[in-house]
Amino acid sequence: MSSLTNHRGAIVSTHCYSELLHINSSKVLSTLPIRTSDFTRCYQKDPKLNDCLRKAVPEALKKMKDGIPSLSVPPMEPLLVSSVEIKSGGGPVLVTQSYRDIKLHGLTDSTLTTYKSESTQFDSKVVHASANGESFFISRNYFYNSQEERADLKRFRLRTDSLTPKMEFVGDYVMSGRILVLPIQGKGVANITMVNLVVKHDLIGEKVEKDGQVFMHLKDYKVKFIPQRVVMHFTNLFNGDERLGKQMNSFLNENWELVFNELKQSYEDSLSSVFKDVSNRIFDNVPMNKIFLED
């Protein structure tokens, strides 16, 4: 179980299904637990390393669709997450959400667009929303990245953008709070679908040596979600009141940008924890020179 507090004061807890399985990585196996030759591998000093990675990573994701049992890597389609707890700290969206038995669909359909280094720039945006006949204009500040391509293996740093045509987050939920001036509460099944989702990945690793071998352990894995559209549906809102439930689902989708932008940092924090856990099941057990070949 991992717990995070994001910059908005939201408390986020995640528990990845794969954490139920234990790997003893204190000792390097004399025989690798997977056939690395089954995967496209890239040379560390290849001047076209970024091009190679753009091809290799999506291929690896598809091959991991059913998981890698020898490394306790869970199936990636769907990826099971046992729980996510989200408590927003303020603003126009003030809700507490508990999710259980979550299935993430669509990750293996992702493609990579670029590997890069980045510099942060600043912009602002005004989001329009409406409720009960009232209009709200809410200013939001955004950070985005000006980027040039590079995978910095010497510093154990990988930054990349991916595109997922449709990522579905489906699970049992319990929710209460308010959005703008409207109260919301319910307990049922949630489906949050992000369409044409761009994800900015920032993998921050460190060198670990075991039995004369060098491994790249991820100490942090940051993600930023930029969807073209988000479609939300919650069953059994307001104790099963169909009229109120239909109105609230319509309201959420009409104002999806406001709702998602207020909560997305919490979703990013929770899922980045899951992605780091899954990634380290490979990086902690397969030497770096078997993943990124040396000359």
C-alpha atoms as a PDB file:
ATOM      1  CA  MET A   1       0.000   0.000   0.000  1.00  0.00           C
ATOM      2  CA  SER A   2       1.257   3.459  -0.793  1.00  0.00           C
ATOM      3  CA  SER A   3      -0.104   6.826   0.308  1.00  0.00           C
ATOM      4  CA  LEU A   4       0.509  10.180  -1.331  1.00  0.00           C
ATOM      5  CA  THR A   5      -0.463  13.780  -0.660  1.00  0.00           C
ATOM      6  CA  ASN A   6      -0.665  15.901  -3.780  1.00  0.00           C
ATOM      7  CA  HIS A   7      -0.185  19.646  -4.170  1.00  0.00           C
ATOM      8  CA  ARG A   8      -3.902  20.320  -3.698  1.00  0.00           C
ATOM      9  CA  GLY A   9      -3.982  18.624  -0.318  1.00  0.00           C
ATOM     10  CA  ALA A  10      -5.698  15.515  -1.650  1.00  0.00           C
ATOM     11  CA  ILE A  11      -4.857  12.248   0.024  1.00  0.00           C
ATOM     12  CA  VAL A  12      -4.336   9.431  -2.430  1.00  0.00           C
ATOM     13  CA  SER A  13      -3.851   5.788  -1.497  1.00  0.00           C
ATOM     14  CA  THR A  14      -3.241   3.016  -3.981  1.00  0.00           C
ATOM     15  CA  HIS A  15      -2.848  -0.718  -3.714  1.00  0.00           C
ATOM     16  CA  CYS A  16      -1.784  -2.483  -6.871  1.00  0.00           C
ATOM     17  CA  TYR A  17      -2.924  -6.074  -7.379  1.00  0.00           C
ATOM     18  CA  SER A  18       0.650  -7.085  -8.146  1.00  0.00           C
ATOM     19  CA  GLU A  19       1.739  -5.978  -4.662  1.00  0.00           C
ATOM     20  CA  LEU A  20      -0.003  -9.080  -3.354  1.00  0.00           C
ATOM     21  CA  LEU A  21       2.804 -11.059  -4.945  1.00  0.00           C
ATOM     22  CA  HIS A  22       6.312 -11.017  -3.486  1.00  0.00           C
ATOM     23  CA  ILE A  23       9.587 -10.959  -5.365  1.00  0.00           C
ATOM     24  CA  ASN A  24      12.876 -11.677  -3.628  1.00  0.00           C
ATOM     25  CA  SER A  25      15.132  -9.329  -5.553  1.00  0.00           C
ATOM     26  CA  SER A  26      17.943  -9.327  -2.996  1.00  0.00           C
ATOM     27  CA  LYS A  27      19.730 -11.970  -5.009  1.00  0.00           C
ATOM     28  CA  VAL A  28      20.342 -11.872  -8.741  1.00  0.00           C
ATOM     29  CA  LEU A  29      19.177 -15.047 -10.424  1.00  0.00           C
ATOM     30  CA  SER A  30      21.870 -16.946 -12.272  1.00  0.00           C
ATOM     31  CA  THR A  31      19.305 -17.597 -14.994  1.00  0.00           C
ATOM     32  CA  LEU A  32      17.149 -14.651 -16.019  1.00  0.00           C
ATOM     33  CA  PRO A  33      13.459 -15.135 -15.183  1.00  0.00           C
ATOM     34  CA  ILE A  34      12.433 -14.103 -18.729  1.00  0.00           C
ATOM     35  CA  ARG A  35      13.838 -14.565 -22.221  1.00  0.00           C
ATOM     36  CA  THR A  36      14.983 -11.034 -22.976  1.00  0.00           C
ATOM     37  CA  SER A  37      15.678 -12.099 -26.550  1.00  0.00           C
ATOM     38  CA  ASP A  38      11.896 -12.333 -27.005  1.00  0.00           C
ATOM     39  CA  PHE A  39      11.753  -8.540 -26.747  1.00  0.00           C
ATOM     40  CA  THR A  40      13.135  -5.873 -29.054  1.00  0.00           C
ATOM     41  CA  ARG A  41      16.144  -4.392 -27.240  1.00  0.00           C
ATOM     42  CA  CYS A  42      17.985  -1.172 -27.947  1.00  0.00           C
ATOM     43  CA  TYR A  43      21.671  -0.328 -27.705  1.00  0.00           C
ATOM     44  CA  GLN A  44      22.540   2.261 -25.072  1.00  0.00           C
ATOM     45  CA  LYS A  45      24.845   4.238 -27.386  1.00  0.00           C
ATOM     46  CA  ASP A  46      22.736   3.945 -30.520  1.00  0.00           C
ATOM     47  CA  PRO A  47      22.357   7.445 -32.032  1.00  0.00           C
ATOM     48  CA  LYS A  48      18.822   6.368 -32.960  1.00  0.00           C
ATOM     49  CA  LEU A  49      18.053   5.101 -29.462  1.00  0.00           C
ATOM     50  CA  ASN A  50      14.855   7.148 -29.232  1.00  0.00           C
ATOM     51  CA  ASP A  51      13.534   5.665 -32.487  1.00  0.00           C
ATOM     52  CA  CYS A  52      14.321   2.178 -31.230  1.00  0.00           C
ATOM     53  CA  LEU A  53      12.527   2.775 -27.926  1.00  0.00           C
ATOM     54  CA  ARG A  54       9.434   4.097 -29.687  1.00  0.00           C
ATOM     55  CA  LYS A  55       9.198   0.735 -31.440  1.00  0.00           C
ATOM     56  CA  ALA A  56      10.335  -1.503 -28.588  1.00  0.00           C
ATOM     57  CA  VAL A  57       8.158  -0.285 -25.709  1.00  0.00           C
ATOM     58  CA  PRO A  58       4.719  -0.671 -27.381  1.00  0.00           C
ATOM     59  CA  GLU A  59       5.780  -4.120 -28.607  1.00  0.00           C
ATOM     60  CA  ALA A  60       6.761  -5.060 -25.041  1.00  0.00           C
ATOM     61  CA  LEU A  61       3.428  -3.835 -23.681  1.00  0.00           C
ATOM     62  CA  LYS A  62       1.536  -6.043 -26.116  1.00  0.00           C
ATOM     63  CA  LYS A  63       3.689  -9.048 -25.126  1.00  0.00           C
ATOM     64  CA  MET A  64       2.919  -8.276 -21.471  1.00  0.00           C
ATOM     65  CA  LYS A  65      -0.818  -8.424 -22.118  1.00  0.00           C
ATOM     66  CA  ASP A  66      -1.050 -11.667 -20.138  1.00  0.00           C
ATOM     67  CA  GLY A  67       1.675 -10.655 -17.662  1.00  0.00           C
ATOM     68  CA  ILE A  68       5.076 -12.187 -16.909  1.00  0.00           C
ATOM     69  CA  PRO A  69       4.475 -14.801 -14.180  1.00  0.00           C
ATOM     70  CA  SER A  70       8.199 -15.402 -13.567  1.00  0.00           C
ATOM     71  CA  LEU A  71       8.545 -11.753 -12.482  1.00  0.00           C
ATOM     72  CA  SER A  72       5.094 -11.500 -10.869  1.00  0.00           C
ATOM     73  CA  VAL A  73       4.206  -8.863 -13.445  1.00  0.00           C
ATOM     74  CA  PRO A  74       0.407  -8.926 -13.581  1.00  0.00           C
ATOM     75  CA  PRO A  75      -1.612  -9.052 -16.812  1.00  0.00           C
ATOM     76  CA  MET A  76      -1.724  -5.638 -18.449  1.00  0.00           C
ATOM     77  CA  GLU A  77      -5.093  -6.125 -20.149  1.00  0.00           C
ATOM     78  CA  PRO A  78      -6.826  -5.382 -18.025  1.00  0.00           C
ATOM     79  CA  LEU A  79      -4.467  -4.184 -15.313  1.00  0.00           C
ATOM     80  CA  LEU A  80      -6.078  -4.890 -11.944  1.00  0.00           C
ATOM     81  CA  VAL A  81      -5.792  -2.360  -9.127  1.00  0.00           C
ATOM     82  CA  SER A  82      -7.372  -3.381  -5.851  1.00  0.00           C
ATOM     83  CA  SER A  83      -8.091   0.103  -4.459  1.00  0.00           C
ATOM     84  CA  VAL A  84      -7.742   3.839  -4.957  1.00  0.00           C
ATOM     85  CA  GLU A  85      -8.730   6.409  -2.328  1.00  0.00           C
ATOM     86  CA  ILE A  86      -9.142  10.050  -3.351  1.00  0.00           C
ATOM     87  CA  LYS A  87     -10.009  12.928  -1.040  1.00  0.00           C
ATOM     88  CA  SER A  88      -9.962  16.347  -2.675  1.00  0.00           C
ATOM     89  CA  GLY A  89      -8.893  19.249  -0.529  1.00  0.00           C
ATOM     90  CA  GLY A  90     -10.939  22.172  -1.856  1.00  0.00           C
ATOM     91  CA  GLY A  91     -11.989  24.237  -4.858  1.00  0.00           C
ATOM     92  CA  PRO A  92     -15.184  23.927  -6.879  1.00  0.00           C
ATOM     93  CA  VAL A  93     -14.978  20.116  -6.773  1.00  0.00           C
ATOM     94  CA  LEU A  94     -14.986  18.786  -3.217  1.00  0.00           C
ATOM     95  CA  VAL A  95     -15.539  15.035  -3.175  1.00  0.00           C
ATOM     96  CA  THR A  96     -14.333  11.918  -1.409  1.00  0.00           C
ATOM     97  CA  GLN A  97     -14.005   8.864  -3.635  1.00  0.00           C
ATOM     98  CA  SER A  98     -13.206   5.248  -2.805  1.00  0.00           C
ATOM     99  CA  TYR A  99     -12.670   2.784  -5.632  1.00  0.00           C
ATOM    100  CA  ARG A 100     -12.306  -0.994  -5.331  1.00  0.00           C
ATOM    101  CA  ASP A 101     -11.611  -3.868  -7.754  1.00  0.00           C
ATOM    102  CA  ILE A 102     -10.538  -1.539 -10.538  1.00  0.00           C
ATOM    103  CA  LYS A 103      -9.826  -2.689 -14.067  1.00  0.00           C
ATOM    104  CA  LEU A 104      -7.714  -0.496 -16.347  1.00  0.00           C
ATOM    105  CA  HIS A 105      -8.390  -1.267 -19.999  1.00  0.00           C
ATOM    106  CA  GLY A 106      -6.462  -0.018 -23.009  1.00  0.00           C
ATOM    107  CA  LEU A 107      -2.880   0.300 -21.789  1.00  0.00           C
ATOM    108  CA  THR A 108      -1.548  -2.269 -24.238  1.00  0.00           C
ATOM    109  CA  ASP A 109      -2.925  -0.238 -27.160  1.00  0.00           C
ATOM    110  CA  SER A 110      -0.623   2.656 -26.294  1.00  0.00           C
ATOM    111  CA  THR A 111       1.965   4.006 -28.708  1.00  0.00           C
ATOM    112  CA  LEU A 112       4.935   6.229 -27.926  1.00  0.00           C
ATOM    113  CA  THR A 113       5.301   9.577 -29.631  1.00  0.00           C
ATOM    114  CA  THR A 114       8.663  10.745 -28.327  1.00  0.00           C
ATOM    115  CA  TYR A 115      11.450  10.416 -25.777  1.00  0.00           C
ATOM    116  CA  LYS A 116      12.756  13.707 -24.488  1.00  0.00           C
ATOM    117  CA  SER A 117      14.350  16.075 -22.038  1.00  0.00           C
ATOM    118  CA  GLU A 118      12.139  18.889 -20.920  1.00  0.00           C
ATOM    119  CA  SER A 119      11.893  22.448 -19.644  1.00  0.00           C
ATOM    120  CA  THR A 120       8.782  23.633 -17.857  1.00  0.00           C
ATOM    121  CA  GLN A 121       6.709  26.531 -19.136  1.00  0.00           C
ATOM    122  CA  PHE A 122       3.600  28.166 -17.726  1.00  0.00           C
ATOM    123  CA  ASP A 123       0.198  28.971 -19.174  1.00  0.00           C
ATOM    124  CA  SER A 124      -3.298  29.682 -17.906  1.00  0.00           C
ATOM    125  CA  LYS A 125      -6.776  28.732 -19.019  1.00  0.00           C
ATOM    126  CA  VAL A 126     -10.329  29.720 -18.130  1.00  0.00           C
ATOM    127  CA  VAL A 127     -12.746  26.799 -17.772  1.00  0.00           C
ATOM    128  CA  HIS A 128     -16.475  27.434 -18.136  1.00  0.00           C
ATOM    129  CA  ALA A 129     -19.026  25.414 -16.180  1.00  0.00           C
ATOM    130  CA  SER A 130     -22.671  25.753 -15.313  1.00  0.00           C
ATOM    131  CA  ALA A 131     -25.036  24.446 -12.635  1.00  0.00           C
ATOM    132  CA  ASN A 132     -28.629  25.280 -11.678  1.00  0.00           C
ATOM    133  CA  GLY A 133     -28.776  27.925 -14.402  1.00  0.00           C
ATOM    134  CA  GLU A 134     -25.670  29.698 -13.076  1.00  0.00           C
ATOM    135  CA  SER A 135     -22.459  30.126 -15.055  1.00  0.00           C
ATOM    136  CA  PHE A 136     -19.010  29.785 -13.515  1.00  0.00           C
ATOM    137  CA  PHE A 137     -15.741  30.899 -15.074  1.00  0.00           C
ATOM    138  CA  ILE A 138     -12.814  29.364 -13.233  1.00  0.00           C
ATOM    139  CA  SER A 139      -9.215  30.290 -13.945  1.00  0.00           C
ATOM    140  CA  ARG A 140      -6.792  27.398 -13.930  1.00  0.00           C
ATOM    141  CA  ASN A 141      -3.009  27.447 -14.219  1.00  0.00           C
ATOM    142  CA  TYR A 142      -1.237  24.771 -16.222  1.00  0.00           C
ATOM    143  CA  PHE A 143       2.327  23.680 -16.659  1.00  0.00           C
ATOM    144  CA  TYR A 144       3.420  22.179 -19.919  1.00  0.00           C
ATOM    145  CA  ASN A 145       6.718  21.106 -21.360  1.00  0.00           C
ATOM    146  CA  SER A 146       8.892  22.366 -24.153  1.00  0.00           C
ATOM    147  CA  GLN A 147      10.798  19.296 -25.200  1.00  0.00           C
ATOM    148  CA  GLU A 148      13.613  17.923 -27.230  1.00  0.00           C
ATOM    149  CA  GLU A 149      14.184  14.236 -27.745  1.00  0.00           C
ATOM    150  CA  ARG A 150      16.505  12.293 -25.485  1.00  0.00           C
ATOM    151  CA  ALA A 151      16.593   9.170 -23.311  1.00  0.00           C
ATOM    152  CA  ASP A 152      19.222   9.855 -20.661  1.00  0.00           C
ATOM    153  CA  LEU A 153      20.344   6.389 -19.618  1.00  0.00           C
ATOM    154  CA  LYS A 154      23.575   7.677 -18.045  1.00  0.00           C
ATOM    155  CA  ARG A 155      21.451   9.484 -15.478  1.00  0.00           C
ATOM    156  CA  PHE A 156      18.895   6.672 -15.331  1.00  0.00           C
ATOM    157  CA  ARG A 157      16.175   9.017 -16.585  1.00  0.00           C
ATOM    158  CA  LEU A 158      13.516   8.299 -19.208  1.00  0.00           C
ATOM    159  CA  ARG A 159      10.906  10.814 -20.329  1.00  0.00           C
ATOM    160  CA  THR A 160       8.351   9.997 -22.972  1.00  0.00           C
ATOM    161  CA  ASP A 161       4.886  10.805 -24.249  1.00  0.00           C
ATOM    162  CA  SER A 162       2.400   8.047 -25.031  1.00  0.00           C
ATOM    163  CA  LEU A 163      -0.955   8.052 -26.774  1.00  0.00           C
ATOM    164  CA  THR A 164      -3.715   5.688 -25.653  1.00  0.00           C
ATOM    165  CA  PRO A 165      -6.804   5.758 -27.905  1.00  0.00           C
ATOM    166  CA  LYS A 166      -9.117   4.814 -25.034  1.00  0.00           C
ATOM    167  CA  MET A 167      -8.251   4.092 -21.415  1.00  0.00           C
ATOM    168  CA  GLU A 168     -11.125   2.866 -19.283  1.00  0.00           C
ATOM    169  CA  PHE A 169     -11.055   3.022 -15.495  1.00  0.00           C
ATOM    170  CA  VAL A 170     -13.844   0.711 -14.275  1.00  0.00           C
ATOM    171  CA  GLY A 171     -14.513  -0.228 -10.677  1.00  0.00           C
ATOM    172  CA  ASP A 172     -16.814  -0.200  -7.676  1.00  0.00           C
ATOM    173  CA  TYR A 173     -17.074   3.232  -6.088  1.00  0.00           C
ATOM    174  CA  VAL A 174     -18.362   5.091  -3.058  1.00  0.00           C
ATOM    175  CA  MET A 175     -18.529   8.876  -3.417  1.00  0.00           C
ATOM    176  CA  SER A 176     -19.832  11.900  -1.523  1.00  0.00           C
ATOM    177  CA  GLY A 177     -19.317  15.657  -1.623  1.00  0.00           C
ATOM    178  CA  ARG A 178     -20.247  18.523  -3.917  1.00  0.00           C
ATOM    179  CA  ILE A 179     -19.412  19.826  -7.379  1.00  0.00           C
ATOM    180  CA  LEU A 180     -19.880  23.590  -7.706  1.00  0.00           C
ATOM    181  CA  VAL A 181     -23.197  24.096  -5.847  1.00  0.00           C
ATOM    182  CA  LEU A 182     -24.514  20.572  -6.413  1.00  0.00           C
ATOM    183  CA  PRO A 183     -24.289  17.794  -3.813  1.00  0.00           C
ATOM    184  CA  ILE A 184     -23.285  14.349  -5.058  1.00  0.00           C
ATOM    185  CA  GLN A 185     -23.334  10.939  -3.386  1.00  0.00           C
ATOM    186  CA  GLY A 186     -23.589   7.360  -4.535  1.00  0.00           C
ATOM    187  CA  LYS A 187     -22.383   3.780  -4.344  1.00  0.00           C
ATOM    188  CA  GLY A 188     -22.188   1.570  -7.420  1.00  0.00           C
ATOM    189  CA  VAL A 189     -20.016   1.015 -10.495  1.00  0.00           C
ATOM    190  CA  ALA A 190     -17.963   3.805 -12.065  1.00  0.00           C
ATOM    191  CA  ASN A 191     -16.682   3.992 -15.625  1.00  0.00           C
ATOM    192  CA  ILE A 192     -14.249   6.831 -16.371  1.00  0.00           C
ATOM    193  CA  THR A 193     -13.115   6.699 -19.989  1.00  0.00           C
ATOM    194  CA  MET A 194     -10.297   8.927 -21.229  1.00  0.00           C
ATOM    195  CA  VAL A 195     -10.349   9.294 -25.021  1.00  0.00           C
ATOM    196  CA  ASN A 196      -7.171   9.925 -27.046  1.00  0.00           C
ATOM    197  CA  LEU A 197      -5.226  10.167 -23.839  1.00  0.00           C
ATOM    198  CA  VAL A 198      -1.739  11.671 -24.018  1.00  0.00           C
ATOM    199  CA  VAL A 199       0.330  10.627 -21.003  1.00  0.00           C
ATOM    200  CA  LYS A 200       3.588  12.346 -20.147  1.00  0.00           C
ATOM    201  CA  HIS A 201       5.822   9.827 -18.373  1.00  0.00           C
ATOM    202  CA  ASP A 202       8.865  10.801 -16.305  1.00  0.00           C
ATOM    203  CA  LEU A 203      10.814   7.797 -15.014  1.00  0.00           C
ATOM    204  CA  ILE A 204      13.426   8.773 -12.436  1.00  0.00           C
ATOM    205  CA  GLY A 205      15.788   5.922 -11.724  1.00  0.00           C
ATOM    206  CA  GLU A 206      18.881   5.208  -9.686  1.00  0.00           C
ATOM    207  CA  LYS A 207      21.781   2.808 -10.056  1.00  0.00           C
ATOM    208  CA  VAL A 208      21.647  -0.333  -7.942  1.00  0.00           C
ATOM    209  CA  GLU A 209      24.447  -2.940  -7.967  1.00  0.00           C
ATOM    210  CA  LYS A 210      23.774  -6.541  -7.004  1.00  0.00           C
ATOM    211  CA  ASP A 211      26.237  -9.399  -7.419  1.00  0.00           C
ATOM    212  CA  GLY A 212      28.302  -7.417  -9.911  1.00  0.00           C
ATOM    213  CA  GLN A 213      25.328  -6.466 -12.050  1.00  0.00           C
ATOM    214  CA  VAL A 214      23.864  -2.979 -12.558  1.00  0.00           C
ATOM    215  CA  PHE A 215      20.122  -2.482 -12.249  1.00  0.00           C
ATOM    216  CA  MET A 216      17.985   0.597 -12.854  1.00  0.00           C
ATOM    217  CA  HIS A 217      15.611   0.944  -9.903  1.00  0.00           C
ATOM    218  CA  LEU A 218      12.821   3.490 -10.342  1.00  0.00           C
ATOM    219  CA  LYS A 219      12.599   5.723  -7.282  1.00  0.00           C
ATOM    220  CA  ASP A 220       9.861   7.819  -8.843  1.00  0.00           C
ATOM    221  CA  TYR A 221       7.461   7.591 -11.771  1.00  0.00           C
ATOM    222  CA  LYS A 222       5.515  10.729 -12.589  1.00  0.00           C
ATOM    223  CA  VAL A 223       2.666  10.974 -15.081  1.00  0.00           C
ATOM    224  CA  LYS A 224       0.538  13.787 -16.487  1.00  0.00           C
ATOM    225  CA  PHE A 225      -2.782  13.025 -18.203  1.00  0.00           C
ATOM    226  CA  ILE A 226      -3.981  15.116 -21.142  1.00  0.00           C
ATOM    227  CA  PRO A 227      -7.177  13.588 -22.547  1.00  0.00           C
ATOM    228  CA  GLN A 228      -9.026  14.888 -25.585  1.00  0.00           C
ATOM    229  CA  ARG A 229     -12.269  13.977 -23.835  1.00  0.00           C
ATOM    230  CA  VAL A 230     -13.399  12.273 -20.646  1.00  0.00           C
ATOM    231  CA  VAL A 231     -16.685  10.352 -20.427  1.00  0.00           C
ATOM    232  CA  MET A 232     -17.957   9.506 -16.942  1.00  0.00           C
ATOM    233  CA  HIS A 233     -20.794   7.271 -15.799  1.00  0.00           C
ATOM    234  CA  PHE A 234     -21.705   6.370 -12.212  1.00  0.00           C
ATOM    235  CA  THR A 235     -24.478   3.885 -11.504  1.00  0.00           C
ATOM    236  CA  ASN A 236     -26.751   4.103  -8.448  1.00  0.00           C
ATOM    237  CA  LEU A 237     -26.242   7.777  -7.686  1.00  0.00           C
ATOM    238  CA  PHE A 238     -28.473   9.250  -4.970  1.00  0.00           C
ATOM    239  CA  ASN A 239     -29.522   5.803  -3.692  1.00  0.00           C
ATOM    240  CA  GLY A 240     -30.747   4.688  -7.091  1.00  0.00           C
ATOM    241  CA  ASP A 241     -32.878   7.738  -7.946  1.00  0.00           C
ATOM    242  CA  GLU A 242     -32.874   7.380 -11.737  1.00  0.00           C
ATOM    243  CA  ARG A 243     -33.906  10.952 -12.492  1.00  0.00           C
ATOM    244  CA  LEU A 244     -31.290  12.561 -10.249  1.00  0.00           C
ATOM    245  CA  GLY A 245     -28.661  10.046 -11.360  1.00  0.00           C
ATOM    246  CA  LYS A 246     -29.281  10.771 -15.035  1.00  0.00           C
ATOM    247  CA  GLN A 247     -29.133  14.520 -14.408  1.00  0.00           C
ATOM    248  CA  MET A 248     -25.862  14.251 -12.470  1.00  0.00           C
ATOM    249  CA  ASN A 249     -24.205  12.033 -15.095  1.00  0.00           C
ATOM    250  CA  SER A 250     -25.259  14.536 -17.767  1.00  0.00           C
ATOM    251  CA  PHE A 251     -23.896  17.391 -15.662  1.00  0.00           C
ATOM    252  CA  LEU A 252     -20.571  15.603 -15.128  1.00  0.00           C
ATOM    253  CA  ASN A 253     -20.121  15.009 -18.849  1.00  0.00           C
ATOM    254  CA  GLU A 254     -21.194  18.515 -19.839  1.00  0.00           C
ATOM    255  CA  ASN A 255     -18.615  19.874 -17.402  1.00  0.00           C
ATOM    256  CA  TRP A 256     -16.049  17.087 -17.768  1.00  0.00           C
ATOM    257  CA  GLU A 257     -13.096  19.426 -18.205  1.00  0.00           C
ATOM    258  CA  LEU A 258     -13.710  21.241 -14.933  1.00  0.00           C
ATOM    259  CA  VAL A 259     -14.403  18.037 -12.987  1.00  0.00           C
ATOM    260  CA  PHE A 260     -11.462  16.106 -14.414  1.00  0.00           C
ATOM    261  CA  ASN A 261      -8.954  18.951 -14.074  1.00  0.00           C
ATOM    262  CA  GLU A 262      -9.859  19.355 -10.406  1.00  0.00           C
ATOM    263  CA  LEU A 263      -9.326  15.653  -9.696  1.00  0.00           C
ATOM    264  CA  LYS A 264      -6.747  14.570 -12.262  1.00  0.00           C
ATOM    265  CA  GLN A 265      -3.724  15.208 -10.030  1.00  0.00           C
ATOM    266  CA  SER A 266      -5.097  12.634  -7.609  1.00  0.00           C
ATOM    267  CA  TYR A 267      -5.661  10.111 -10.393  1.00  0.00           C
ATOM    268  CA  GLU A 268      -2.171  10.824 -11.751  1.00  0.00           C
ATOM    269  CA  ASP A 269      -0.570  10.289  -8.349  1.00  0.00           C
ATOM    270  CA  SER A 270      -2.434   7.051  -7.733  1.00  0.00           C
ATOM    271  CA  LEU A 271      -1.764   5.509 -11.142  1.00  0.00           C
ATOM    272  CA  SER A 272       1.877   6.622 -11.210  1.00  0.00           C
ATOM    273  CA  SER A 273       2.362   4.546  -8.062  1.00  0.00           C
ATOM    274  CA  VAL A 274       0.866   1.547  -9.845  1.00  0.00           C
ATOM    275  CA  PHE A 275       3.017   2.079 -12.961  1.00  0.00           C
ATOM    276  CA  LYS A 276       6.171   2.350 -10.844  1.00  0.00           C
ATOM    277  CA  ASP A 277       5.389  -0.877  -9.024  1.00  0.00           C
ATOM    278  CA  VAL A 278       4.816  -2.798 -12.247  1.00  0.00           C
ATOM    279  CA  SER A 279       7.904  -1.322 -13.941  1.00  0.00           C
ATOM    280  CA  ASN A 280      10.192  -2.133 -11.013  1.00  0.00           C
ATOM    281  CA  ARG A 281       9.192  -5.774 -11.179  1.00  0.00           C
ATOM    282  CA  ILE A 282      11.180  -5.802 -14.398  1.00  0.00           C
ATOM    283  CA  PHE A 283      13.907  -3.251 -13.668  1.00  0.00           C
ATOM    284  CA  ASP A 284      14.709  -4.706 -10.229  1.00  0.00           C
ATOM    285  CA  ASN A 285      15.170  -8.221 -11.583  1.00  0.00           C
ATOM    286  CA  VAL A 286      16.661  -7.854 -15.060  1.00  0.00           C
ATOM    287  CA  PRO A 287      20.129  -6.237 -15.309  1.00  0.00           C
ATOM    288  CA  MET A 288      20.233  -2.988 -17.204  1.00  0.00           C
ATOM    289  CA  ASN A 289      22.594  -4.360 -19.870  1.00  0.00           C
ATOM    290  CA  LYS A 290      20.002  -7.034 -20.703  1.00  0.00           C
ATOM    291  CA  ILE A 291      17.331  -4.412 -21.266  1.00  0.00           C
ATOM    292  CA  PHE A 292      19.515  -1.733 -22.896  1.00  0.00           C
ATOM    293  CA  LEU A 293      22.334  -3.518 -24.693  1.00  0.00           C
ATOM    294  CA  GLU A 294      25.913  -2.398 -24.476  1.00  0.00           C
ATOM    295  CA  ASP A 295      28.245  -2.261 -27.500  1.00  0.00           C
END
